[in-house]
Amino acid sequence: MQLLRIDCLGKELRLEASMAGWQALYWDNKLVSRINASADAGENFEHCFKLEAKSDQMDEPKQLTCCLKLKLSWQPFDLSYRLELDQQLLAEGDLTEKDIESQEVVNRVKQPTKFSIIGFASLALKLFKSAKVIKVLFAAGSLAAYTWLFSIEFAIALILCLVFHEYGHIRAMKRFGMQTKGIYLVPFIGGLAVSNDRINTRWQNVYISIMGPCYGLFLSLSCLVIYWITDIEIFAGLAAFNALLNLFNMLPILPLDGGHILKSISFSVNSVLGLILCVICAIAGVAISYTFGLALLGFLLAIGSIEILFEWKRRHQSDLLPLDRYGQIVSGCWYFATVGGLGWVIWYLGQGENHALSLPLKILAS
């Protein structure tokens, strides 16, 4: 991942590194220094390389020694740097996780292009994101599809739940200053919040992923309060269905929001642990899909398998700053609190003679 971009003699000096055990320094987009630097090897590192300076007054180029001295801690993340040219200070400073979150990542080292399913899927996603008309067509298609399957009232309620959920993701993206392209409604699948920018840290991934279900929980609780006040059963049904929808999304299975939260926490501990947990949850998802006949979950698992494969290929070159121990604990507690809140709404409405859950359960079983 990119850790540092600063000016050095009018050209960019860029530091990229990975907890897997390397650091690479680029000057003018050319590799000038590379060292092994695992997270357990210590905190102090030094990159030195030769530069040639030439002017009209010089007959021959002068050799200069440029050194970038680093003090690096991954968890919690903290980077102090000092750039020297022939032992004279050029620049120095400190970076924290907030700086990594807000930085613009450019000039990534490109890998040789190969045809692959992942590459094809990435191209399809770019085309999908660039077509603004698709947003309108998909929204109309979703309304028509759900109206055909159920009723116009149900279609409007479902789209309301999906939009509110995705709006939570959009607000989270904007919280980090990311440019967004809006919400896409995909018939029979759900919704998708799309951004122009890439995330830089695992914490951003957790925050963006969990805010959708949190907004869903807020909507369910609001509908529940309205139901208590008015005793109109449609609000109880909306609260129950929305809670089920968001609880389903919190399953720790990729590419659902719960799967992204699990991935961010587990990969921050260890990439091998992350891969093992993602595979185990995918296998459990297959069992759930087969047992309850959930065709949608089976389709999502196919997409999640591609994402797991992508993570395996990139396990030694992660572009995301991992969560520290505090971040892992907070993320886990936030996840279980959200799941608990959604589960409580479903449990409450399923008590006694309340039939608010009857329609949502029939829909999930269909």
Protein backbone atom coordinates (compact mmCIF):
# COMPACT_ATOMS: atom_id res chain seq x y z
CA MET A 1 0.00 0.00 0.00
CA GLN A 2 1.07 3.61 -0.51
CA LEU A 3 2.46 5.16 2.67
CA LEU A 4 4.14 8.37 1.56
CA ARG A 5 4.26 10.80 -1.39
CA ILE A 6 6.58 13.83 -1.13
CA ASP A 7 8.58 16.07 -3.46
CA CYS A 8 12.28 15.35 -3.98
CA LEU A 9 14.19 17.71 -6.30
CA GLY A 10 11.05 18.52 -8.27
CA LYS A 11 10.04 14.89 -8.74
CA GLU A 12 7.78 12.63 -6.72
CA LEU A 13 9.24 10.31 -4.11
CA ARG A 14 6.77 7.54 -3.24
CA LEU A 15 7.01 4.84 -0.57
CA GLU A 16 4.96 1.66 -0.83
CA ALA A 17 5.02 -1.11 1.76
CA SER A 18 3.27 -4.20 3.04
CA MET A 19 3.07 -5.91 6.41
CA ALA A 20 3.88 -9.11 4.49
CA GLY A 21 7.52 -8.00 4.58
CA TRP A 22 8.75 -5.40 2.08
CA GLN A 23 9.19 -1.69 1.40
CA ALA A 24 9.75 -0.16 -2.02
CA LEU A 25 10.82 3.41 -2.76
CA TYR A 26 10.11 5.06 -6.14
CA TRP A 27 11.60 8.31 -7.41
CA ASP A 28 10.01 9.71 -10.57
CA ASN A 29 8.06 6.43 -10.74
CA LYS A 30 11.29 4.40 -10.92
CA LEU A 31 12.28 1.85 -8.27
CA VAL A 32 15.35 3.16 -6.43
CA SER A 33 15.34 1.15 -3.19
CA ARG A 34 13.72 -2.01 -1.86
CA ILE A 35 14.22 -3.68 1.51
CA ASN A 36 12.66 -6.48 3.50
CA ALA A 37 10.87 -4.90 6.43
CA SER A 38 8.35 -7.10 8.18
CA ALA A 39 6.22 -5.72 11.01
CA ASP A 40 8.28 -7.64 13.57
CA ALA A 41 11.70 -6.55 12.28
CA GLY A 42 11.81 -3.25 14.16
CA GLU A 43 10.62 0.30 13.68
CA ASN A 44 13.57 2.15 12.16
CA PHE A 45 14.37 1.85 8.45
CA GLU A 46 16.56 3.68 5.97
CA HIS A 47 16.39 3.90 2.16
CA CYS A 48 19.43 5.38 0.40
CA PHE A 49 20.05 5.83 -3.32
CA LYS A 50 22.27 7.85 -5.68
CA LEU A 51 21.13 10.82 -7.76
CA GLU A 52 22.94 12.72 -10.49
CA ALA A 53 22.82 16.52 -10.46
CA LYS A 54 23.98 18.44 -13.51
CA SER A 55 24.08 22.16 -14.34
CA ASP A 56 25.63 24.40 -16.98
CA GLN A 57 28.53 25.20 -14.64
CA MET A 58 29.43 21.50 -14.24
CA ASP A 59 31.56 19.58 -16.71
CA GLU A 60 30.41 16.25 -15.27
CA PRO A 61 27.28 15.24 -13.28
CA LYS A 62 27.67 15.34 -9.52
CA GLN A 63 26.73 12.24 -7.52
CA LEU A 64 24.35 12.96 -4.64
CA THR A 65 23.21 10.58 -1.92
CA CYS A 66 19.54 10.75 -0.99
CA CYS A 67 18.36 9.02 2.20
CA LEU A 68 14.82 8.54 3.51
CA LYS A 69 14.88 7.64 7.20
CA LEU A 70 11.72 6.12 8.65
CA LYS A 71 10.25 5.25 12.02
CA LEU A 72 7.25 3.02 11.30
CA SER A 73 4.67 1.38 13.54
CA TRP A 74 1.83 -0.56 11.90
CA GLN A 75 -0.51 -1.09 14.88
CA PRO A 76 -1.39 1.58 15.76
CA PHE A 77 -0.17 3.16 12.55
CA ASP A 78 2.38 5.96 12.92
CA LEU A 79 5.04 7.04 10.44
CA SER A 80 7.78 9.59 11.01
CA TYR A 81 10.09 10.40 8.10
CA ARG A 82 13.17 12.50 7.41
CA LEU A 83 14.48 13.09 3.89
CA GLU A 84 18.15 14.08 3.54
CA LEU A 85 20.26 14.97 0.51
CA ASP A 86 24.00 14.68 1.21
CA GLN A 87 23.12 14.86 4.93
CA GLN A 88 21.16 18.10 4.45
CA LEU A 89 17.52 18.09 5.48
CA LEU A 90 15.00 18.36 2.63
CA ALA A 91 11.75 17.38 4.35
CA GLU A 92 10.39 15.75 7.48
CA GLY A 93 7.01 15.01 8.98
CA ASP A 94 4.63 12.58 10.65
CA LEU A 95 1.66 10.59 9.31
CA THR A 96 -1.18 8.85 11.15
CA GLU A 97 -4.09 6.65 10.06
CA LYS A 98 -6.17 9.79 9.36
CA ASP A 99 -3.60 10.89 6.78
CA ILE A 100 -3.70 7.48 5.08
CA GLU A 101 -7.52 7.60 4.96
CA SER A 102 -7.56 10.98 3.22
CA GLN A 103 -4.66 10.51 0.81
CA GLU A 104 -5.14 10.19 -2.93
CA VAL A 105 -3.54 6.99 -4.15
CA VAL A 106 -2.01 7.40 -7.61
CA ASN A 107 0.73 5.88 -9.74
CA ARG A 108 0.27 2.36 -8.48
CA VAL A 109 2.77 -0.12 -9.88
CA LYS A 110 0.93 -1.88 -12.68
CA GLN A 111 1.07 -5.64 -13.01
CA PRO A 112 1.22 -7.33 -16.44
CA THR A 113 -2.27 -7.50 -17.90
CA LYS A 114 -3.72 -10.99 -18.12
CA PHE A 115 -7.19 -12.08 -19.07
CA SER A 116 -9.02 -13.40 -16.03
CA ILE A 117 -12.48 -13.63 -14.63
CA ILE A 118 -11.52 -11.03 -12.03
CA GLY A 119 -10.28 -8.63 -14.70
CA PHE A 120 -13.40 -9.13 -16.78
CA ALA A 121 -15.60 -8.53 -13.73
CA SER A 122 -13.63 -5.35 -12.94
CA LEU A 123 -14.14 -4.08 -16.49
CA ALA A 124 -17.86 -4.86 -16.31
CA LEU A 125 -18.10 -2.93 -13.02
CA LYS A 126 -16.39 0.12 -14.58
CA LEU A 127 -18.80 0.07 -17.49
CA PHE A 128 -21.66 -0.33 -15.05
CA LYS A 129 -20.51 2.64 -12.98
CA SER A 130 -20.05 4.88 -16.03
CA ALA A 131 -23.54 4.36 -17.45
CA LYS A 132 -25.79 6.89 -15.70
CA VAL A 133 -28.86 5.75 -17.60
CA ILE A 134 -28.48 2.31 -16.02
CA LYS A 135 -29.42 3.81 -12.65
CA VAL A 136 -32.82 4.96 -13.91
CA LEU A 137 -33.49 1.79 -15.89
CA PHE A 138 -32.60 -0.48 -12.97
CA ALA A 139 -34.78 1.52 -10.57
CA ALA A 140 -37.74 1.24 -12.94
CA GLY A 141 -36.98 -2.43 -13.50
CA SER A 142 -36.87 -3.09 -9.76
CA LEU A 143 -40.22 -1.37 -9.20
CA ALA A 144 -41.81 -3.32 -12.07
CA ALA A 145 -40.30 -6.65 -10.99
CA TYR A 146 -41.38 -6.43 -7.35
CA THR A 147 -44.82 -5.15 -8.36
CA TRP A 148 -45.24 -8.14 -10.70
CA LEU A 149 -44.12 -10.59 -8.02
CA PHE A 150 -46.04 -9.10 -5.08
CA SER A 151 -47.86 -5.75 -5.23
CA ILE A 152 -47.19 -2.07 -5.86
CA GLU A 153 -47.40 -1.38 -2.10
CA PHE A 154 -44.81 -4.05 -1.34
CA ALA A 155 -42.55 -2.86 -4.19
CA ILE A 156 -42.53 0.70 -2.84
CA ALA A 157 -41.85 -0.53 0.71
CA LEU A 158 -38.98 -2.77 -0.44
CA ILE A 159 -37.37 -0.02 -2.51
CA LEU A 160 -37.69 2.35 0.47
CA CYS A 161 -35.82 -0.17 2.66
CA LEU A 162 -33.11 -0.70 0.03
CA VAL A 163 -32.58 3.01 -0.63
CA PHE A 164 -32.40 3.83 3.08
CA HIS A 165 -29.86 1.03 3.59
CA GLU A 166 -27.71 2.16 0.66
CA TYR A 167 -27.99 5.79 1.76
CA GLY A 168 -26.21 4.73 4.95
CA HIS A 169 -23.30 3.52 2.82
CA ILE A 170 -23.31 6.77 0.82
CA ARG A 171 -23.19 8.91 3.98
CA ALA A 172 -20.31 6.82 5.29
CA MET A 173 -18.36 7.29 2.04
CA LYS A 174 -18.88 11.04 2.21
CA ARG A 175 -17.69 10.94 5.83
CA PHE A 176 -14.25 10.06 4.41
CA GLY A 177 -14.45 12.64 1.63
CA MET A 178 -15.06 10.06 -1.09
CA GLN A 179 -16.82 11.01 -4.33
CA THR A 180 -20.02 8.98 -4.85
CA LYS A 181 -22.03 8.15 -7.96
CA GLY A 182 -25.25 7.37 -6.11
CA ILE A 183 -27.42 4.31 -5.54
CA TYR A 184 -28.18 1.60 -8.07
CA LEU A 185 -31.18 -0.69 -7.60
CA VAL A 186 -30.67 -4.11 -9.19
CA PRO A 187 -33.87 -6.15 -9.85
CA PHE A 188 -34.11 -9.36 -7.78
CA ILE A 189 -30.69 -8.65 -6.21
CA GLY A 190 -30.98 -5.50 -4.06
CA GLY A 191 -29.07 -2.23 -4.12
CA LEU A 192 -25.53 -0.97 -4.61
CA ALA A 193 -23.86 2.24 -3.40
CA VAL A 194 -21.14 3.24 -5.87
CA SER A 195 -18.11 5.46 -5.29
CA ASN A 196 -15.52 6.91 -7.67
CA ASP A 197 -12.77 6.58 -5.06
CA ARG A 198 -11.00 3.65 -3.47
CA ILE A 199 -10.70 3.04 0.24
CA ASN A 200 -7.25 3.12 1.86
CA THR A 201 -7.81 1.42 5.24
CA ARG A 202 -9.66 -1.58 6.69
CA TRP A 203 -11.42 0.80 9.09
CA GLN A 204 -12.98 2.63 6.14
CA ASN A 205 -14.22 -0.74 4.84
CA VAL A 206 -15.78 -1.61 8.22
CA TYR A 207 -17.36 1.82 8.69
CA ILE A 208 -18.84 1.98 5.19
CA SER A 209 -20.09 -1.63 5.34
CA ILE A 210 -21.78 -1.38 8.73
CA MET A 211 -23.46 1.99 8.24
CA GLY A 212 -25.97 0.50 5.78
CA PRO A 213 -27.36 -1.99 8.33
CA CYS A 214 -27.19 0.72 11.03
CA TYR A 215 -29.41 2.98 8.93
CA GLY A 216 -31.65 -0.05 8.39
CA LEU A 217 -31.87 -0.59 12.15
CA PHE A 218 -32.79 3.08 12.63
CA LEU A 219 -35.57 2.73 10.02
CA SER A 220 -36.95 -0.42 11.71
CA LEU A 221 -36.96 1.22 15.13
CA SER A 222 -38.67 4.31 13.69
CA CYS A 223 -41.39 2.18 12.08
CA LEU A 224 -41.78 0.28 15.34
CA VAL A 225 -42.32 3.52 17.29
CA ILE A 226 -44.91 4.67 14.72
CA TYR A 227 -46.64 1.29 15.09
CA TRP A 228 -46.76 1.70 18.89
CA ILE A 229 -48.32 5.16 18.48
CA THR A 230 -50.79 4.47 15.65
CA ASP A 231 -51.36 0.69 15.94
CA ILE A 232 -51.27 0.53 12.12
CA GLU A 233 -49.98 -2.95 11.33
CA ILE A 234 -48.29 -1.99 8.06
CA PHE A 235 -45.59 -0.20 10.04
CA ALA A 236 -44.99 -3.34 12.09
CA GLY A 237 -44.69 -5.33 8.87
CA LEU A 238 -42.27 -2.78 7.42
CA ALA A 239 -40.18 -2.82 10.60
CA ALA A 240 -40.03 -6.62 10.55
CA PHE A 241 -39.21 -6.96 6.88
CA ASN A 242 -36.56 -4.23 6.97
CA ALA A 243 -34.96 -5.87 10.02
CA LEU A 244 -34.87 -9.25 8.24
CA LEU A 245 -33.43 -7.64 5.11
CA ASN A 246 -30.60 -5.99 7.04
CA LEU A 247 -29.99 -9.01 9.27
CA PHE A 248 -29.58 -11.12 6.13
CA ASN A 249 -27.05 -8.55 4.91
CA MET A 250 -25.08 -8.94 8.14
CA LEU A 251 -24.37 -12.62 7.52
CA PRO A 252 -20.55 -12.97 7.62
CA ILE A 253 -20.46 -14.06 4.00
CA LEU A 254 -18.85 -12.21 1.09
CA PRO A 255 -19.99 -10.06 -0.70
CA LEU A 256 -22.57 -9.12 1.97
CA ASP A 257 -21.79 -6.29 4.41
CA GLY A 258 -21.19 -8.78 7.22
CA GLY A 259 -18.65 -10.58 5.04
CA HIS A 260 -16.72 -7.35 4.45
CA ILE A 261 -16.67 -6.65 8.19
CA LEU A 262 -15.42 -10.18 8.92
CA LYS A 263 -12.79 -9.86 6.19
CA SER A 264 -11.51 -6.52 7.48
CA ILE A 265 -11.20 -7.75 11.08
CA SER A 266 -9.69 -11.16 10.28
CA PHE A 267 -7.26 -9.93 7.60
CA SER A 268 -6.04 -7.28 10.05
CA VAL A 269 -5.03 -10.10 12.40
CA ASN A 270 -3.52 -12.40 9.79
CA SER A 271 -4.09 -12.94 6.06
CA VAL A 272 -4.13 -16.73 6.46
CA LEU A 273 -6.73 -16.47 9.24
CA GLY A 274 -8.77 -14.13 7.06
CA LEU A 275 -8.78 -16.54 4.13
CA ILE A 276 -9.67 -19.51 6.34
CA LEU A 277 -12.60 -17.70 7.98
CA CYS A 278 -13.92 -16.40 4.65
CA VAL A 279 -13.82 -19.91 3.14
CA ILE A 280 -15.48 -21.47 6.21
CA CYS A 281 -18.28 -18.88 6.12
CA ALA A 282 -18.71 -19.42 2.37
CA ILE A 283 -19.12 -23.17 2.95
CA ALA A 284 -21.64 -22.44 5.72
CA GLY A 285 -23.45 -20.13 3.30
CA VAL A 286 -23.71 -22.93 0.74
CA ALA A 287 -25.25 -25.17 3.40
CA ILE A 288 -27.74 -22.45 4.42
CA SER A 289 -28.64 -21.75 0.80
CA TYR A 290 -29.24 -25.45 0.08
CA THR A 291 -31.15 -26.12 3.31
CA PHE A 292 -33.56 -23.19 3.02
CA GLY A 293 -33.64 -22.95 -0.77
CA LEU A 294 -32.29 -19.39 -0.89
CA ALA A 295 -31.34 -18.97 -4.54
CA LEU A 296 -30.28 -15.34 -4.03
CA LEU A 297 -27.73 -16.36 -1.40
CA GLY A 298 -26.33 -18.96 -3.78
CA PHE A 299 -25.87 -16.31 -6.47
CA LEU A 300 -24.15 -13.95 -4.01
CA LEU A 301 -21.85 -16.77 -2.88
CA ALA A 302 -20.63 -17.16 -6.44
CA ILE A 303 -19.65 -13.46 -6.45
CA GLY A 304 -18.10 -13.84 -2.98
CA SER A 305 -15.95 -16.73 -4.19
CA ILE A 306 -14.37 -14.46 -6.80
CA GLU A 307 -13.66 -11.89 -4.08
CA ILE A 308 -12.03 -14.56 -1.88
CA LEU A 309 -9.86 -15.62 -4.83
CA PHE A 310 -8.88 -11.99 -5.39
CA GLU A 311 -7.89 -11.61 -1.72
CA TRP A 312 -5.78 -14.78 -1.97
CA LYS A 313 -3.90 -13.46 -5.00
CA ARG A 314 -3.31 -10.09 -3.31
CA ARG A 315 -2.55 -11.39 0.20
CA HIS A 316 1.11 -10.21 0.07
CA GLN A 317 0.31 -6.86 -1.58
CA SER A 318 -2.61 -5.46 0.37
CA ASP A 319 -3.39 -1.82 -0.39
CA LEU A 320 -5.35 -1.36 2.84
CA LEU A 321 -3.97 -0.26 6.19
CA PRO A 322 -5.03 -2.94 8.73
CA LEU A 323 -7.07 -2.35 11.88
CA ASP A 324 -5.14 -2.07 15.11
CA ARG A 325 -6.23 -4.12 18.15
CA TYR A 326 -8.52 -1.34 19.35
CA GLY A 327 -10.11 -1.08 15.91
CA GLN A 328 -10.65 -4.84 15.77
CA ILE A 329 -12.43 -4.83 19.15
CA VAL A 330 -14.59 -1.80 18.30
CA SER A 331 -15.53 -3.29 14.92
CA GLY A 332 -16.50 -6.62 16.48
CA CYS A 333 -18.58 -5.01 19.23
CA TRP A 334 -20.31 -2.70 16.73
CA TYR A 335 -21.13 -5.69 14.51
CA PHE A 336 -22.70 -7.74 17.31
CA ALA A 337 -24.59 -4.70 18.68
CA THR A 338 -26.14 -4.06 15.25
CA VAL A 339 -27.02 -7.73 14.78
CA GLY A 340 -28.49 -7.78 18.29
CA GLY A 341 -30.66 -4.72 17.60
CA LEU A 342 -32.02 -6.15 14.35
CA GLY A 343 -32.61 -9.50 16.00
CA TRP A 344 -34.49 -7.86 18.86
CA VAL A 345 -36.90 -6.14 16.44
CA ILE A 346 -37.66 -9.47 14.77
CA TRP A 347 -38.03 -11.26 18.12
CA TYR A 348 -40.33 -8.57 19.53
CA LEU A 349 -42.65 -8.55 16.51
CA GLY A 350 -42.76 -12.32 16.45
CA GLN A 351 -44.21 -12.57 19.95
CA GLY A 352 -47.81 -13.38 20.83
CA GLU A 353 -50.52 -12.85 18.23
CA ASN A 354 -48.58 -10.34 16.18
CA HIS A 355 -48.47 -11.52 12.57
CA ALA A 356 -46.15 -8.82 11.28
CA LEU A 357 -43.52 -11.44 10.41
CA SER A 358 -45.81 -13.63 8.31
CA LEU A 359 -45.26 -11.82 4.98
CA PRO A 360 -41.47 -11.38 5.34
CA LEU A 361 -41.06 -15.07 6.23
CA LYS A 362 -43.14 -16.13 3.21
CA ILE A 363 -40.99 -13.92 0.97
CA LEU A 364 -37.74 -15.38 2.31
CA ALA A 365 -39.11 -18.89 1.82
CA SER A 366 -40.21 -18.21 -1.78
